Amino acid sequence: MSDDYLQKVLAENIGFADHQEAYALLGDRDEHLRVLIDNFDCRFVSRGDELEISGEAAEVSRAAKIMRELQYLYRQGTAITMHEVRYSVGLVKGGKGEALHALFSDTILVTSRGRQVRPKTLGQRVYLDAIRANSITLGIGPAGTGKTYLAVVMAAAALRNREVEKIILTRPAVEAGERLGFLPGDLQEKVDPYLRPLYDALQDIMGVDTYQKLMAKGIIEIAPLAYMRGRTLEDAFVILDEAQNTTDKQMKMFLTRLGFGSRMVVTGDLGQVDLPRGVTSGLREASEVLAGVRGIGIVRLDPLDVIRHDVVSRIVEAYDSYEAQKKERRVKRTADKQEN
């Protein structure tokens, strides 16, 4: 056997602290391990609390790096899901393996239940860095990219670190045409259905008891967008959610409420605009008008940043495949009719 061949062949051993760690990293019925087997031309041998990876040196090095970074993440208290495994594989195979450790080590805060919150994609990390660096940040992207949840996390962290004195959450009640006076009940009862996602995020992060105490003290304020008019919001972390459903005038009104010591995060999905036909989305306009303005960050998250349960991903893929097949059949039928 030549020396050149020996130099190209490598074996690395990944030691697990115990059986529980091995199970968490390799996955239920080795489902995480199978992702590595499918993506790297290596031999993987699992023996109790150890995984041996052997094969061509470059491939072994990349596969071992993923396992070590996942091990680091697990030891930091994060549950390993198929997302972490597949996203890590994608980064390493795309030549961005060096970004893995920085991504996994950026803990924003620990929730009331002890769960560490950190960015799960490079796009999310760019988004968080923009929030840290700017007075106003526009987070634009499809559902499931974590833009609203991460904004609430950053707000909670700012409040905890005493960088702001209160959190203000708002969104346009477009379904009610902003005419909340016609709805039954007090303000809280009127806006509850529209702001429920924000309530849920805060309760998940802070715990129900802390959340209720801060609400009672007015430290957390949740109100429809119409109630922002005429105010100057100082020493506050302000989040405008579902901003694709603001008009251009509403968006300008909101952005000019920024006061000293405050930060604003505006989130929305330009693919889900519910405004009447012919009405310009305030978020779309703001993303064009404010591009390049100092102190304002604009981050566009894309489908690669969507975090889904693995079964949901398979459901979406199945429907996409089904729709593609239906389109092919329609095209074929049209072509056949034209020939006849």
C-alpha atoms as a PDB file:
ATOM      1  CA  MET A   1       0.000   0.000   0.000  1.00  0.00           C
ATOM      2  CA  SER A   2       1.539   3.371  -1.057  1.00  0.00           C
ATOM      3  CA  ASP A   3       2.328   6.229   1.319  1.00  0.00           C
ATOM      4  CA  ASP A   4       0.091   8.532  -0.754  1.00  0.00           C
ATOM      5  CA  TYR A   5      -2.875   6.214  -0.170  1.00  0.00           C
ATOM      6  CA  LEU A   6      -2.200   6.060   3.572  1.00  0.00           C
ATOM      7  CA  GLN A   7      -2.077   9.858   3.764  1.00  0.00           C
ATOM      8  CA  LYS A   8      -5.490  10.089   2.107  1.00  0.00           C
ATOM      9  CA  VAL A   9      -7.138   7.588   4.451  1.00  0.00           C
ATOM     10  CA  LEU A  10      -8.167   8.709   7.887  1.00  0.00           C
ATOM     11  CA  ALA A  11     -10.086   7.364  10.869  1.00  0.00           C
ATOM     12  CA  GLU A  12     -11.524   9.566  13.609  1.00  0.00           C
ATOM     13  CA  ASN A  13     -13.288   8.521  16.792  1.00  0.00           C
ATOM     14  CA  ILE A  14     -16.031  10.579  18.410  1.00  0.00           C
ATOM     15  CA  GLY A  15     -16.464   9.679  22.071  1.00  0.00           C
ATOM     16  CA  PHE A  16     -19.836  10.172  23.755  1.00  0.00           C
ATOM     17  CA  ALA A  17     -20.175  10.968  27.458  1.00  0.00           C
ATOM     18  CA  ASP A  18     -22.839   8.301  27.903  1.00  0.00           C
ATOM     19  CA  HIS A  19     -25.557   6.360  26.141  1.00  0.00           C
ATOM     20  CA  GLN A  20     -27.983   9.285  26.421  1.00  0.00           C
ATOM     21  CA  GLU A  21     -25.604  11.597  24.542  1.00  0.00           C
ATOM     22  CA  ALA A  22     -25.003   8.944  21.886  1.00  0.00           C
ATOM     23  CA  TYR A  23     -28.765   8.564  21.406  1.00  0.00           C
ATOM     24  CA  ALA A  24     -29.282  12.336  21.175  1.00  0.00           C
ATOM     25  CA  LEU A  25     -26.551  12.788  18.564  1.00  0.00           C
ATOM     26  CA  LEU A  26     -27.132   9.685  16.448  1.00  0.00           C
ATOM     27  CA  GLY A  27     -30.890  10.106  16.604  1.00  0.00           C
ATOM     28  CA  ASP A  28     -33.816   7.802  17.195  1.00  0.00           C
ATOM     29  CA  ARG A  29     -33.059   4.593  15.281  1.00  0.00           C
ATOM     30  CA  ASP A  30     -29.887   6.332  14.031  1.00  0.00           C
ATOM     31  CA  GLU A  31     -31.890   8.771  11.867  1.00  0.00           C
ATOM     32  CA  HIS A  32     -29.299  11.544  12.317  1.00  0.00           C
ATOM     33  CA  LEU A  33     -26.476   9.148  11.521  1.00  0.00           C
ATOM     34  CA  ARG A  34     -28.246   8.093   8.327  1.00  0.00           C
ATOM     35  CA  VAL A  35     -28.166  11.704   7.100  1.00  0.00           C
ATOM     36  CA  LEU A  36     -24.362  11.664   7.450  1.00  0.00           C
ATOM     37  CA  ILE A  37     -24.142   8.265   5.742  1.00  0.00           C
ATOM     38  CA  ASP A  38     -26.215   9.592   2.828  1.00  0.00           C
ATOM     39  CA  ASN A  39     -24.048  12.703   2.430  1.00  0.00           C
ATOM     40  CA  PHE A  40     -20.471  11.602   3.082  1.00  0.00           C
ATOM     41  CA  ASP A  41     -18.484   8.820   1.442  1.00  0.00           C
ATOM     42  CA  CYS A  42     -17.261   7.386   4.734  1.00  0.00           C
ATOM     43  CA  ARG A  43     -17.638   4.273   6.839  1.00  0.00           C
ATOM     44  CA  PHE A  44     -19.493   4.905  10.088  1.00  0.00           C
ATOM     45  CA  VAL A  45     -19.290   2.322  12.869  1.00  0.00           C
ATOM     46  CA  SER A  46     -21.176   2.926  16.104  1.00  0.00           C
ATOM     47  CA  ARG A  47     -19.923   0.949  19.098  1.00  0.00           C
ATOM     48  CA  GLY A  48     -21.657   1.770  22.358  1.00  0.00           C
ATOM     49  CA  ASP A  49     -20.476   5.217  23.414  1.00  0.00           C
ATOM     50  CA  GLU A  50     -18.178   5.758  20.445  1.00  0.00           C
ATOM     51  CA  LEU A  51     -18.540   6.499  16.739  1.00  0.00           C
ATOM     52  CA  GLU A  52     -15.707   5.650  14.343  1.00  0.00           C
ATOM     53  CA  ILE A  53     -15.586   7.491  11.008  1.00  0.00           C
ATOM     54  CA  SER A  54     -13.125   6.230   8.413  1.00  0.00           C
ATOM     55  CA  GLY A  55     -12.432   6.853   4.760  1.00  0.00           C
ATOM     56  CA  GLU A  56     -10.880   9.523   2.540  1.00  0.00           C
ATOM     57  CA  ALA A  57      -9.328  12.170   4.793  1.00  0.00           C
ATOM     58  CA  ALA A  58     -11.267  15.214   3.561  1.00  0.00           C
ATOM     59  CA  GLU A  59     -14.634  13.443   3.824  1.00  0.00           C
ATOM     60  CA  VAL A  60     -13.861  12.078   7.293  1.00  0.00           C
ATOM     61  CA  SER A  61     -12.735  15.500   8.481  1.00  0.00           C
ATOM     62  CA  ARG A  62     -15.996  17.135   7.320  1.00  0.00           C
ATOM     63  CA  ALA A  63     -18.247  14.438   8.813  1.00  0.00           C
ATOM     64  CA  ALA A  64     -16.323  14.497  12.115  1.00  0.00           C
ATOM     65  CA  LYS A  65     -16.567  18.300  12.284  1.00  0.00           C
ATOM     66  CA  ILE A  66     -20.360  18.073  12.082  1.00  0.00           C
ATOM     67  CA  MET A  67     -20.538  15.480  14.844  1.00  0.00           C
ATOM     68  CA  ARG A  68     -18.257  17.532  17.110  1.00  0.00           C
ATOM     69  CA  GLU A  69     -20.245  20.728  16.561  1.00  0.00           C
ATOM     70  CA  LEU A  70     -23.510  18.895  17.247  1.00  0.00           C
ATOM     71  CA  GLN A  71     -21.926  17.443  20.377  1.00  0.00           C
ATOM     72  CA  TYR A  72     -20.912  20.952  21.481  1.00  0.00           C
ATOM     73  CA  LEU A  73     -24.464  22.178  20.855  1.00  0.00           C
ATOM     74  CA  TYR A  74     -25.956  19.277  22.811  1.00  0.00           C
ATOM     75  CA  ARG A  75     -23.622  19.904  25.757  1.00  0.00           C
ATOM     76  CA  GLN A  76     -24.750  23.541  25.776  1.00  0.00           C
ATOM     77  CA  GLY A  77     -28.266  22.278  26.521  1.00  0.00           C
ATOM     78  CA  THR A  78     -29.867  22.288  23.045  1.00  0.00           C
ATOM     79  CA  ALA A  79     -31.946  19.347  21.843  1.00  0.00           C
ATOM     80  CA  ILE A  80     -30.604  18.058  18.530  1.00  0.00           C
ATOM     81  CA  THR A  81     -33.271  17.836  15.834  1.00  0.00           C
ATOM     82  CA  MET A  82     -33.134  16.901  12.181  1.00  0.00           C
ATOM     83  CA  HIS A  83     -32.903  20.601  11.344  1.00  0.00           C
ATOM     84  CA  GLU A  84     -29.560  21.019  13.121  1.00  0.00           C
ATOM     85  CA  VAL A  85     -28.197  17.902  11.422  1.00  0.00           C
ATOM     86  CA  ARG A  86     -29.318  18.751   7.897  1.00  0.00           C
ATOM     87  CA  TYR A  87     -28.439  22.427   8.170  1.00  0.00           C
ATOM     88  CA  SER A  88     -24.945  21.520   9.434  1.00  0.00           C
ATOM     89  CA  VAL A  89     -24.470  19.130   6.518  1.00  0.00           C
ATOM     90  CA  GLY A  90     -25.588  21.838   4.095  1.00  0.00           C
ATOM     91  CA  LEU A  91     -23.140  24.382   5.512  1.00  0.00           C
ATOM     92  CA  VAL A  92     -20.189  21.997   5.502  1.00  0.00           C
ATOM     93  CA  LYS A  93     -20.880  20.710   1.992  1.00  0.00           C
ATOM     94  CA  GLY A  94     -21.351  24.302   0.839  1.00  0.00           C
ATOM     95  CA  GLY A  95     -17.900  25.257   2.094  1.00  0.00           C
ATOM     96  CA  LYS A  96     -19.187  27.242   5.094  1.00  0.00           C
ATOM     97  CA  GLY A  97     -18.245  24.785   7.825  1.00  0.00           C
ATOM     98  CA  GLU A  98     -16.191  27.413   9.654  1.00  0.00           C
ATOM     99  CA  ALA A  99     -19.443  29.294  10.411  1.00  0.00           C
ATOM    100  CA  LEU A 100     -20.923  26.376  12.357  1.00  0.00           C
ATOM    101  CA  HIS A 101     -19.256  26.992  15.703  1.00  0.00           C
ATOM    102  CA  ALA A 102     -19.971  30.738  15.697  1.00  0.00           C
ATOM    103  CA  LEU A 103     -23.602  30.011  14.837  1.00  0.00           C
ATOM    104  CA  PHE A 104     -24.049  27.406  17.554  1.00  0.00           C
ATOM    105  CA  SER A 105     -22.277  29.439  20.257  1.00  0.00           C
ATOM    106  CA  ASP A 106     -24.408  32.612  19.957  1.00  0.00           C
ATOM    107  CA  THR A 107     -26.822  32.250  22.894  1.00  0.00           C
ATOM    108  CA  ILE A 108     -29.248  35.181  23.170  1.00  0.00           C
ATOM    109  CA  LEU A 109     -30.961  34.183  26.409  1.00  0.00           C
ATOM    110  CA  VAL A 110     -32.214  31.247  28.447  1.00  0.00           C
ATOM    111  CA  THR A 111     -35.990  30.890  28.697  1.00  0.00           C
ATOM    112  CA  SER A 112     -37.911  30.409  31.942  1.00  0.00           C
ATOM    113  CA  ARG A 113     -37.836  26.659  31.277  1.00  0.00           C
ATOM    114  CA  GLY A 114     -34.057  26.595  30.858  1.00  0.00           C
ATOM    115  CA  ARG A 115     -34.022  26.369  27.058  1.00  0.00           C
ATOM    116  CA  GLN A 116     -31.200  28.250  25.366  1.00  0.00           C
ATOM    117  CA  VAL A 117     -32.325  30.416  22.454  1.00  0.00           C
ATOM    118  CA  ARG A 118     -29.818  30.873  19.649  1.00  0.00           C
ATOM    119  CA  PRO A 119     -29.968  31.449  15.888  1.00  0.00           C
ATOM    120  CA  LYS A 120     -30.588  28.268  13.931  1.00  0.00           C
ATOM    121  CA  THR A 121     -29.468  29.547  10.506  1.00  0.00           C
ATOM    122  CA  LEU A 122     -26.934  32.028   9.134  1.00  0.00           C
ATOM    123  CA  GLY A 123     -29.818  34.216   7.980  1.00  0.00           C
ATOM    124  CA  GLN A 124     -31.184  34.348  11.517  1.00  0.00           C
ATOM    125  CA  ARG A 125     -27.741  35.323  12.809  1.00  0.00           C
ATOM    126  CA  VAL A 126     -27.526  38.191  10.297  1.00  0.00           C
ATOM    127  CA  TYR A 127     -30.997  39.279  11.443  1.00  0.00           C
ATOM    128  CA  LEU A 128     -29.992  39.290  15.125  1.00  0.00           C
ATOM    129  CA  ASP A 129     -26.767  41.178  14.366  1.00  0.00           C
ATOM    130  CA  ALA A 130     -28.832  43.792  12.505  1.00  0.00           C
ATOM    131  CA  ILE A 131     -31.145  44.227  15.507  1.00  0.00           C
ATOM    132  CA  ARG A 132     -28.122  44.693  17.772  1.00  0.00           C
ATOM    133  CA  ALA A 133     -26.528  47.258  15.469  1.00  0.00           C
ATOM    134  CA  ASN A 134     -29.475  49.405  14.347  1.00  0.00           C
ATOM    135  CA  SER A 135     -32.184  51.609  15.827  1.00  0.00           C
ATOM    136  CA  ILE A 136     -34.720  50.200  13.351  1.00  0.00           C
ATOM    137  CA  THR A 137     -34.591  46.762  11.719  1.00  0.00           C
ATOM    138  CA  LEU A 138     -36.899  45.423   9.033  1.00  0.00           C
ATOM    139  CA  GLY A 139     -37.086  41.608   9.097  1.00  0.00           C
ATOM    140  CA  ILE A 140     -38.717  40.359   5.894  1.00  0.00           C
ATOM    141  CA  GLY A 141     -39.277  36.708   5.095  1.00  0.00           C
ATOM    142  CA  PRO A 142     -41.696  33.789   4.814  1.00  0.00           C
ATOM    143  CA  ALA A 143     -43.540  32.170   7.715  1.00  0.00           C
ATOM    144  CA  GLY A 144     -41.415  29.851   9.834  1.00  0.00           C
ATOM    145  CA  THR A 145     -38.170  31.849   9.635  1.00  0.00           C
ATOM    146  CA  GLY A 146     -38.446  32.894  13.297  1.00  0.00           C
ATOM    147  CA  LYS A 147     -38.466  36.618  12.582  1.00  0.00           C
ATOM    148  CA  THR A 148     -41.213  37.465  15.112  1.00  0.00           C
ATOM    149  CA  TYR A 149     -40.065  35.042  17.816  1.00  0.00           C
ATOM    150  CA  LEU A 150     -36.434  36.220  17.627  1.00  0.00           C
ATOM    151  CA  ALA A 151     -37.547  39.858  17.764  1.00  0.00           C
ATOM    152  CA  VAL A 152     -39.479  39.094  20.968  1.00  0.00           C
ATOM    153  CA  VAL A 153     -36.437  37.250  22.343  1.00  0.00           C
ATOM    154  CA  MET A 154     -34.243  40.296  21.675  1.00  0.00           C
ATOM    155  CA  ALA A 155     -36.849  42.524  23.336  1.00  0.00           C
ATOM    156  CA  ALA A 156     -36.929  40.291  26.425  1.00  0.00           C
ATOM    157  CA  ALA A 157     -33.109  40.250  26.559  1.00  0.00           C
ATOM    158  CA  ALA A 158     -32.972  44.064  26.291  1.00  0.00           C
ATOM    159  CA  LEU A 159     -35.502  44.401  29.132  1.00  0.00           C
ATOM    160  CA  ARG A 160     -33.638  41.865  31.271  1.00  0.00           C
ATOM    161  CA  ASN A 161     -30.349  43.737  30.686  1.00  0.00           C
ATOM    162  CA  ARG A 162     -32.061  47.060  31.524  1.00  0.00           C
ATOM    163  CA  GLU A 163     -31.289  48.476  28.085  1.00  0.00           C
ATOM    164  CA  VAL A 164     -34.953  49.527  27.807  1.00  0.00           C
ATOM    165  CA  GLU A 165     -37.716  50.213  30.316  1.00  0.00           C
ATOM    166  CA  LYS A 166     -40.601  48.559  28.510  1.00  0.00           C
ATOM    167  CA  ILE A 167     -41.645  46.363  25.579  1.00  0.00           C
ATOM    168  CA  ILE A 168     -44.346  47.511  23.169  1.00  0.00           C
ATOM    169  CA  LEU A 169     -45.852  45.005  20.742  1.00  0.00           C
ATOM    170  CA  THR A 170     -48.240  45.940  17.972  1.00  0.00           C
ATOM    171  CA  ARG A 171     -49.666  44.731  14.695  1.00  0.00           C
ATOM    172  CA  PRO A 172     -52.299  46.023  12.267  1.00  0.00           C
ATOM    173  CA  ALA A 173     -55.735  44.510  12.900  1.00  0.00           C
ATOM    174  CA  VAL A 174     -56.357  44.365   9.175  1.00  0.00           C
ATOM    175  CA  GLU A 175     -59.076  41.714   9.514  1.00  0.00           C
ATOM    176  CA  ALA A 176     -61.094  44.196  11.597  1.00  0.00           C
ATOM    177  CA  GLY A 177     -60.223  47.081   9.315  1.00  0.00           C
ATOM    178  CA  GLU A 178     -58.615  48.725  12.400  1.00  0.00           C
ATOM    179  CA  ARG A 179     -62.171  49.666  13.455  1.00  0.00           C
ATOM    180  CA  LEU A 180     -61.812  48.084  16.871  1.00  0.00           C
ATOM    181  CA  GLY A 181     -64.431  50.376  18.396  1.00  0.00           C
ATOM    182  CA  PHE A 182     -67.104  48.282  16.708  1.00  0.00           C
ATOM    183  CA  LEU A 183     -65.937  45.086  18.390  1.00  0.00           C
ATOM    184  CA  PRO A 184     -67.377  44.002  21.764  1.00  0.00           C
ATOM    185  CA  GLY A 185     -65.353  44.101  24.984  1.00  0.00           C
ATOM    186  CA  ASP A 186     -62.554  46.270  26.400  1.00  0.00           C
ATOM    187  CA  LEU A 187     -59.301  46.985  24.531  1.00  0.00           C
ATOM    188  CA  GLN A 188     -57.618  43.809  25.803  1.00  0.00           C
ATOM    189  CA  GLU A 189     -60.491  41.598  24.634  1.00  0.00           C
ATOM    190  CA  LYS A 190     -60.655  43.373  21.272  1.00  0.00           C
ATOM    191  CA  VAL A 191     -56.997  42.991  20.345  1.00  0.00           C
ATOM    192  CA  ASP A 192     -56.387  39.527  21.842  1.00  0.00           C
ATOM    193  CA  PRO A 193     -57.196  37.551  18.665  1.00  0.00           C
ATOM    194  CA  TYR A 194     -54.829  39.667  16.559  1.00  0.00           C
ATOM    195  CA  LEU A 195     -51.924  39.705  19.018  1.00  0.00           C
ATOM    196  CA  ARG A 196     -52.091  36.104  20.254  1.00  0.00           C
ATOM    197  CA  PRO A 197     -48.826  35.052  18.515  1.00  0.00           C
ATOM    198  CA  LEU A 198     -46.990  37.791  20.414  1.00  0.00           C
ATOM    199  CA  TYR A 199     -48.541  36.741  23.738  1.00  0.00           C
ATOM    200  CA  ASP A 200     -47.512  33.150  23.096  1.00  0.00           C
ATOM    201  CA  ALA A 201     -43.908  34.096  22.311  1.00  0.00           C
ATOM    202  CA  LEU A 202     -43.583  36.241  25.458  1.00  0.00           C
ATOM    203  CA  GLN A 203     -45.075  33.564  27.698  1.00  0.00           C
ATOM    204  CA  ASP A 204     -42.753  30.937  26.229  1.00  0.00           C
ATOM    205  CA  ILE A 205     -39.708  33.123  26.869  1.00  0.00           C
ATOM    206  CA  MET A 206     -40.562  34.654  30.248  1.00  0.00           C
ATOM    207  CA  GLY A 207     -42.972  32.193  31.774  1.00  0.00           C
ATOM    208  CA  VAL A 208     -46.644  32.932  32.367  1.00  0.00           C
ATOM    209  CA  ASP A 209     -46.223  34.400  35.892  1.00  0.00           C
ATOM    210  CA  THR A 210     -43.487  36.882  34.953  1.00  0.00           C
ATOM    211  CA  TYR A 211     -45.331  37.846  31.797  1.00  0.00           C
ATOM    212  CA  GLN A 212     -48.565  38.563  33.714  1.00  0.00           C
ATOM    213  CA  LYS A 213     -46.734  40.637  36.353  1.00  0.00           C
ATOM    214  CA  LEU A 214     -45.008  42.763  33.697  1.00  0.00           C
ATOM    215  CA  MET A 215     -48.300  43.215  31.840  1.00  0.00           C
ATOM    216  CA  ALA A 216     -50.016  44.345  35.059  1.00  0.00           C
ATOM    217  CA  LYS A 217     -47.251  46.907  35.700  1.00  0.00           C
ATOM    218  CA  GLY A 218     -47.454  48.242  32.150  1.00  0.00           C
ATOM    219  CA  ILE A 219     -43.865  47.193  31.431  1.00  0.00           C
ATOM    220  CA  ILE A 220     -45.210  45.072  28.573  1.00  0.00           C
ATOM    221  CA  GLU A 221     -47.749  46.876  26.426  1.00  0.00           C
ATOM    222  CA  ILE A 222     -49.667  45.214  23.608  1.00  0.00           C
ATOM    223  CA  ALA A 223     -51.876  47.389  21.425  1.00  0.00           C
ATOM    224  CA  PRO A 224     -53.190  47.697  17.871  1.00  0.00           C
ATOM    225  CA  LEU A 225     -51.235  49.881  15.471  1.00  0.00           C
ATOM    226  CA  ALA A 226     -53.935  52.571  15.441  1.00  0.00           C
ATOM    227  CA  TYR A 227     -53.143  53.306  19.105  1.00  0.00           C
ATOM    228  CA  MET A 228     -49.549  54.313  18.252  1.00  0.00           C
ATOM    229  CA  ARG A 229     -50.626  57.548  16.554  1.00  0.00           C
ATOM    230  CA  GLY A 230     -49.532  60.745  18.332  1.00  0.00           C
ATOM    231  CA  ARG A 231     -47.098  59.001  20.702  1.00  0.00           C
ATOM    232  CA  THR A 232     -43.310  59.209  21.032  1.00  0.00           C
ATOM    233  CA  LEU A 233     -41.952  55.866  22.167  1.00  0.00           C
ATOM    234  CA  GLU A 234     -38.884  56.385  24.377  1.00  0.00           C
ATOM    235  CA  ASP A 235     -36.693  53.840  26.230  1.00  0.00           C
ATOM    236  CA  ALA A 236     -38.734  51.027  24.704  1.00  0.00           C
ATOM    237  CA  PHE A 237     -38.215  47.995  22.515  1.00  0.00           C
ATOM    238  CA  VAL A 238     -41.029  48.226  19.964  1.00  0.00           C
ATOM    239  CA  ILE A 239     -42.065  45.393  17.635  1.00  0.00           C
ATOM    240  CA  LEU A 240     -44.465  45.808  14.722  1.00  0.00           C
ATOM    241  CA  ASP A 241     -45.562  42.362  13.528  1.00  0.00           C
ATOM    242  CA  GLU A 242     -47.402  41.453  10.292  1.00  0.00           C
ATOM    243  CA  ALA A 243     -46.175  44.753   8.865  1.00  0.00           C
ATOM    244  CA  GLN A 244     -46.938  43.688   5.292  1.00  0.00           C
ATOM    245  CA  ASN A 245     -50.529  44.640   6.152  1.00  0.00           C
ATOM    246  CA  THR A 246     -49.749  48.257   6.991  1.00  0.00           C
ATOM    247  CA  THR A 247     -50.471  50.987   4.473  1.00  0.00           C
ATOM    248  CA  ASP A 248     -47.728  53.398   3.441  1.00  0.00           C
ATOM    249  CA  LYS A 249     -49.178  56.094   5.733  1.00  0.00           C
ATOM    250  CA  GLN A 250     -49.435  53.716   8.705  1.00  0.00           C
ATOM    251  CA  MET A 251     -45.823  52.617   8.259  1.00  0.00           C
ATOM    252  CA  LYS A 252     -44.525  56.192   8.100  1.00  0.00           C
ATOM    253  CA  MET A 253     -46.608  57.078  11.168  1.00  0.00           C
ATOM    254  CA  PHE A 254     -45.191  54.120  13.089  1.00  0.00           C
ATOM    255  CA  LEU A 255     -41.525  54.610  12.160  1.00  0.00           C
ATOM    256  CA  THR A 256     -41.631  58.278  13.140  1.00  0.00           C
ATOM    257  CA  ARG A 257     -42.771  57.326  16.664  1.00  0.00           C
ATOM    258  CA  LEU A 258     -39.157  56.287  17.475  1.00  0.00           C
ATOM    259  CA  GLY A 259     -37.896  58.127  20.543  1.00  0.00           C
ATOM    260  CA  PHE A 260     -34.569  58.339  22.377  1.00  0.00           C
ATOM    261  CA  GLY A 261     -33.279  55.108  23.886  1.00  0.00           C
ATOM    262  CA  SER A 262     -35.639  52.990  21.807  1.00  0.00           C
ATOM    263  CA  ARG A 263     -35.262  50.259  19.224  1.00  0.00           C
ATOM    264  CA  MET A 264     -37.797  49.112  16.668  1.00  0.00           C
ATOM    265  CA  VAL A 265     -38.134  45.808  14.837  1.00  0.00           C
ATOM    266  CA  VAL A 266     -40.611  45.555  11.971  1.00  0.00           C
ATOM    267  CA  THR A 267     -41.449  42.055  10.727  1.00  0.00           C
ATOM    268  CA  GLY A 268     -43.533  40.811   7.828  1.00  0.00           C
ATOM    269  CA  ASP A 269     -43.954  38.494   4.861  1.00  0.00           C
ATOM    270  CA  LEU A 270     -44.432  40.264   1.524  1.00  0.00           C
ATOM    271  CA  GLY A 271     -45.912  37.056   0.131  1.00  0.00           C
ATOM    272  CA  GLN A 272     -48.862  37.280   2.551  1.00  0.00           C
ATOM    273  CA  VAL A 273     -50.301  40.773   1.989  1.00  0.00           C
ATOM    274  CA  ASP A 274     -54.001  40.964   2.953  1.00  0.00           C
ATOM    275  CA  LEU A 275     -54.591  44.592   1.989  1.00  0.00           C
ATOM    276  CA  PRO A 276     -57.302  45.490  -0.540  1.00  0.00           C
ATOM    277  CA  ARG A 277     -56.264  45.364  -4.185  1.00  0.00           C
ATOM    278  CA  GLY A 278     -54.440  48.506  -5.229  1.00  0.00           C
ATOM    279  CA  VAL A 279     -53.308  49.452  -1.692  1.00  0.00           C
ATOM    280  CA  THR A 280     -49.503  49.621  -1.356  1.00  0.00           C
ATOM    281  CA  SER A 281     -47.932  47.616   1.458  1.00  0.00           C
ATOM    282  CA  GLY A 282     -46.151  49.951   3.852  1.00  0.00           C
ATOM    283  CA  LEU A 283     -43.500  47.307   4.461  1.00  0.00           C
ATOM    284  CA  ARG A 284     -42.759  46.915   0.757  1.00  0.00           C
ATOM    285  CA  GLU A 285     -42.441  50.671   0.323  1.00  0.00           C
ATOM    286  CA  ALA A 286     -40.315  51.126   3.463  1.00  0.00           C
ATOM    287  CA  SER A 287     -37.889  48.393   2.370  1.00  0.00           C
ATOM    288  CA  GLU A 288     -37.280  50.365  -0.836  1.00  0.00           C
ATOM    289  CA  VAL A 289     -37.338  53.927   0.534  1.00  0.00           C
ATOM    290  CA  LEU A 290     -35.113  53.212   3.566  1.00  0.00           C
ATOM    291  CA  ALA A 291     -32.474  51.015   1.887  1.00  0.00           C
ATOM    292  CA  GLY A 292     -29.071  52.473   2.730  1.00  0.00           C
ATOM    293  CA  VAL A 293     -30.344  54.866   5.410  1.00  0.00           C
ATOM    294  CA  ARG A 294     -27.920  54.926   8.355  1.00  0.00           C
ATOM    295  CA  GLY A 295     -29.293  53.343  11.530  1.00  0.00           C
ATOM    296  CA  ILE A 296     -31.777  51.190   9.652  1.00  0.00           C
ATOM    297  CA  GLY A 297     -31.102  47.522   8.899  1.00  0.00           C
ATOM    298  CA  ILE A 298     -33.053  45.558   6.304  1.00  0.00           C
ATOM    299  CA  VAL A 299     -32.710  41.774   6.441  1.00  0.00           C
ATOM    300  CA  ARG A 300     -34.404  39.432   3.983  1.00  0.00           C
ATOM    301  CA  LEU A 301     -34.765  35.873   5.240  1.00  0.00           C
ATOM    302  CA  ASP A 302     -35.390  33.180   2.633  1.00  0.00           C
ATOM    303  CA  PRO A 303     -36.790  29.609   2.500  1.00  0.00           C
ATOM    304  CA  LEU A 304     -33.417  28.228   3.680  1.00  0.00           C
ATOM    305  CA  ASP A 305     -34.095  29.954   7.017  1.00  0.00           C
ATOM    306  CA  VAL A 306     -37.465  28.243   7.539  1.00  0.00           C
ATOM    307  CA  ILE A 307     -37.449  25.986  10.607  1.00  0.00           C
ATOM    308  CA  ARG A 308     -39.921  23.120  10.295  1.00  0.00           C
ATOM    309  CA  HIS A 309     -40.603  19.821  11.977  1.00  0.00           C
ATOM    310  CA  ASP A 310     -39.148  17.103   9.783  1.00  0.00           C
ATOM    311  CA  VAL A 311     -42.594  15.591   9.114  1.00  0.00           C
ATOM    312  CA  VAL A 312     -43.903  19.025   8.071  1.00  0.00           C
ATOM    313  CA  SER A 313     -40.979  19.359   5.650  1.00  0.00           C
ATOM    314  CA  ARG A 314     -41.902  16.022   4.097  1.00  0.00           C
ATOM    315  CA  ILE A 315     -45.559  17.087   3.857  1.00  0.00           C
ATOM    316  CA  VAL A 316     -44.564  20.313   2.072  1.00  0.00           C
ATOM    317  CA  GLU A 317     -42.244  18.405  -0.273  1.00  0.00           C
ATOM    318  CA  ALA A 318     -45.018  15.900  -1.055  1.00  0.00           C
ATOM    319  CA  TYR A 319     -47.492  18.665  -1.890  1.00  0.00           C
ATOM    320  CA  ASP A 320     -44.891  20.499  -4.004  1.00  0.00           C
ATOM    321  CA  SER A 321     -44.212  17.292  -5.927  1.00  0.00           C
ATOM    322  CA  TYR A 322     -47.954  16.685  -6.345  1.00  0.00           C
ATOM    323  CA  GLU A 323     -48.526  20.217  -7.670  1.00  0.00           C
ATOM    324  CA  ALA A 324     -45.576  19.878 -10.067  1.00  0.00           C
ATOM    325  CA  GLN A 325     -46.995  16.607 -11.435  1.00  0.00           C
ATOM    326  CA  LYS A 326     -50.441  18.216 -11.868  1.00  0.00           C
ATOM    327  CA  LYS A 327     -48.843  21.088 -13.792  1.00  0.00           C
ATOM    328  CA  GLU A 328     -46.962  18.655 -16.038  1.00  0.00           C
ATOM    329  CA  ARG A 329     -50.200  16.781 -16.780  1.00  0.00           C
ATOM    330  CA  ARG A 330     -51.997  20.051 -17.642  1.00  0.00           C
ATOM    331  CA  VAL A 331     -49.184  21.085 -19.975  1.00  0.00           C
ATOM    332  CA  LYS A 332     -49.225  17.658 -21.627  1.00  0.00           C
ATOM    333  CA  ARG A 333     -53.026  17.761 -22.113  1.00  0.00           C
ATOM    334  CA  THR A 334     -52.777  21.233 -23.653  1.00  0.00           C
ATOM    335  CA  ALA A 335     -50.020  20.079 -25.997  1.00  0.00           C
ATOM    336  CA  ASP A 336     -52.031  16.989 -27.015  1.00  0.00           C
ATOM    337  CA  LYS A 337     -55.099  19.135 -27.808  1.00  0.00           C
ATOM    338  CA  GLN A 338     -53.036  21.468 -29.948  1.00  0.00           C
ATOM    339  CA  GLU A 339     -51.600  18.547 -31.906  1.00  0.00           C
ATOM    340  CA  ASN A 340     -55.102  17.190 -32.546  1.00  0.00           C
END
